[in-house]
Protein backbone atom coordinates (compact mmCIF):
# COMPACT_ATOMS: atom_id res chain seq x y z
CA UNK A 1 46.73 15.10 -1.09
CA UNK A 2 45.02 15.49 2.27
CA UNK A 3 41.88 16.75 0.54
CA UNK A 4 41.84 13.67 -1.71
CA UNK A 5 42.20 11.35 1.28
CA UNK A 6 39.32 13.12 3.03
CA UNK A 7 37.16 12.81 -0.09
CA UNK A 8 37.89 9.09 -0.45
CA UNK A 9 37.16 8.48 3.24
CA UNK A 10 33.86 10.35 2.94
CA UNK A 11 32.81 8.27 -0.05
CA UNK A 12 33.67 5.05 1.78
CA UNK A 13 31.69 6.10 4.84
CA UNK A 14 28.66 6.88 2.68
CA UNK A 15 28.87 3.42 1.14
CA UNK A 16 28.89 1.59 4.51
CA UNK A 17 25.11 1.53 5.12
CA UNK A 18 24.53 0.03 1.67
CA UNK A 19 27.23 -2.59 2.24
CA UNK A 20 25.76 -3.48 5.65
CA UNK A 21 22.35 -4.28 4.12
CA UNK A 22 21.41 -7.96 4.33
CA UNK A 23 19.85 -9.65 1.33
CA UNK A 24 17.64 -12.72 0.99
CA UNK A 25 19.82 -15.72 0.13
CA UNK A 26 19.16 -16.83 -3.45
CA UNK A 27 17.57 -13.53 -4.49
CA UNK A 28 20.62 -11.29 -4.72
CA UNK A 29 18.86 -7.93 -4.99
CA UNK A 30 16.05 -8.53 -2.47
CA UNK A 31 16.89 -6.77 0.80
CA UNK A 32 16.00 -8.49 4.04
CA UNK A 33 13.85 -6.17 6.13
CA UNK A 34 15.58 -4.91 9.29
CA UNK A 35 14.33 -7.00 12.21
CA UNK A 36 14.02 -10.17 10.11
CA UNK A 37 16.56 -12.99 10.06
CA UNK A 38 16.66 -15.66 7.42
CA UNK A 39 15.92 -19.16 8.73
CA UNK A 40 17.80 -21.96 7.06
CA UNK A 41 19.06 -21.98 3.51
CA UNK A 42 17.04 -20.93 0.50
CA UNK A 43 15.83 -23.59 -1.90
CA UNK A 44 17.01 -22.64 -5.39
CA UNK A 45 16.11 -24.49 -8.60
CA UNK A 46 16.96 -23.57 -12.16
CA UNK A 47 14.55 -24.62 -14.89
CA UNK A 48 14.34 -23.91 -18.62
CA UNK A 49 11.63 -21.33 -17.83
CA UNK A 50 13.72 -19.55 -15.17
CA UNK A 51 14.73 -19.87 -11.55
CA UNK A 52 12.57 -20.89 -8.61
CA UNK A 53 13.60 -19.72 -5.15
CA UNK A 54 11.94 -20.21 -1.78
CA UNK A 55 13.35 -18.50 1.30
CA UNK A 56 12.06 -18.14 4.85
CA UNK A 57 12.69 -15.44 7.43
CA UNK A 58 11.29 -14.51 10.81
CA UNK A 59 11.44 -11.75 13.37
CA UNK A 60 9.55 -9.81 15.99
CA UNK A 61 8.18 -7.15 13.66
CA UNK A 62 4.58 -6.13 12.90
CA UNK A 63 3.17 -8.10 9.94
CA UNK A 64 1.86 -4.84 8.47
CA UNK A 65 5.36 -3.38 8.58
CA UNK A 66 6.62 -6.28 6.45
CA UNK A 67 4.02 -5.56 3.76
CA UNK A 68 4.75 -1.81 3.86
CA UNK A 69 8.53 -2.28 3.71
CA UNK A 70 8.42 -4.57 0.67
CA UNK A 71 5.74 -2.55 -1.13
CA UNK A 72 7.96 0.54 -0.89
CA UNK A 73 11.33 -1.15 -1.41
CA UNK A 74 10.38 -3.36 -4.34
CA UNK A 75 8.90 -0.47 -6.30
CA UNK A 76 12.21 1.37 -5.88
CA UNK A 77 13.99 -1.71 -7.28
CA UNK A 78 11.89 -1.85 -10.45
CA UNK A 79 9.28 -4.39 -9.38
CA UNK A 80 5.62 -3.60 -10.02
CA UNK A 81 2.72 -4.81 -7.93
CA UNK A 82 0.58 -7.53 -9.51
CA UNK A 83 -3.20 -7.33 -9.35
CA UNK A 84 -3.58 -9.41 -6.19
CA UNK A 85 -1.96 -9.61 -2.76
CA UNK A 86 1.72 -9.16 -2.02
CA UNK A 87 2.83 -10.31 -5.46
CA UNK A 88 5.31 -8.36 -7.56
CA UNK A 89 6.59 -8.86 -11.11
CA UNK A 90 9.76 -7.79 -12.92
CA UNK A 91 11.63 -8.93 -16.01
CA UNK A 92 9.77 -12.23 -16.40
CA UNK A 93 9.81 -13.15 -12.70
CA UNK A 94 7.07 -13.16 -10.08
CA UNK A 95 7.80 -12.65 -6.37
CA UNK A 96 5.21 -13.57 -3.75
CA UNK A 97 5.74 -12.52 -0.13
CA UNK A 98 3.58 -14.06 2.58
CA UNK A 99 3.77 -12.91 6.21
CA UNK A 100 1.97 -15.02 8.80
CA UNK A 101 0.26 -13.35 11.75
CA UNK A 102 2.51 -13.17 14.83
CA UNK A 103 2.71 -16.33 16.91
CA UNK A 104 2.34 -16.40 20.72
CA UNK A 105 5.89 -14.99 21.12
CA UNK A 106 5.18 -12.16 18.66
CA UNK A 107 7.33 -13.68 15.90
CA UNK A 108 6.23 -13.17 12.31
CA UNK A 109 7.26 -15.78 9.73
CA UNK A 110 7.80 -14.53 6.17
CA UNK A 111 7.98 -16.66 3.01
CA UNK A 112 9.56 -15.37 -0.20
CA UNK A 113 8.69 -17.33 -3.34
CA UNK A 114 10.25 -16.36 -6.68
CA UNK A 115 9.08 -18.08 -9.89
CA UNK A 116 9.08 -17.41 -13.60
CA UNK A 117 6.15 -15.18 -14.57
């Protein structure tokens, strides 16, 4: 019995980092990069062609790190890079991610825009 309790506890501890991951509001399986915080609520619209979501986040992170994080993470989640820019496609949806250069305080603003493909 003690061995079973130890096994269950170990499994729960392994699951904690995944559970602690923040996701972009309105795009359930899009992780929010560590160091970014979502600003305001996402705008979500459903249309006959599919959903449209716009979300904003910001943080004091290098703009290049944002691009690298999402390029790596989205590929792991089944997205594929489109031909231009930071645009990814999956299952009939297109996700564009725009990161502005840092402002005077070093804050980068990031826009996530999901549309039907």
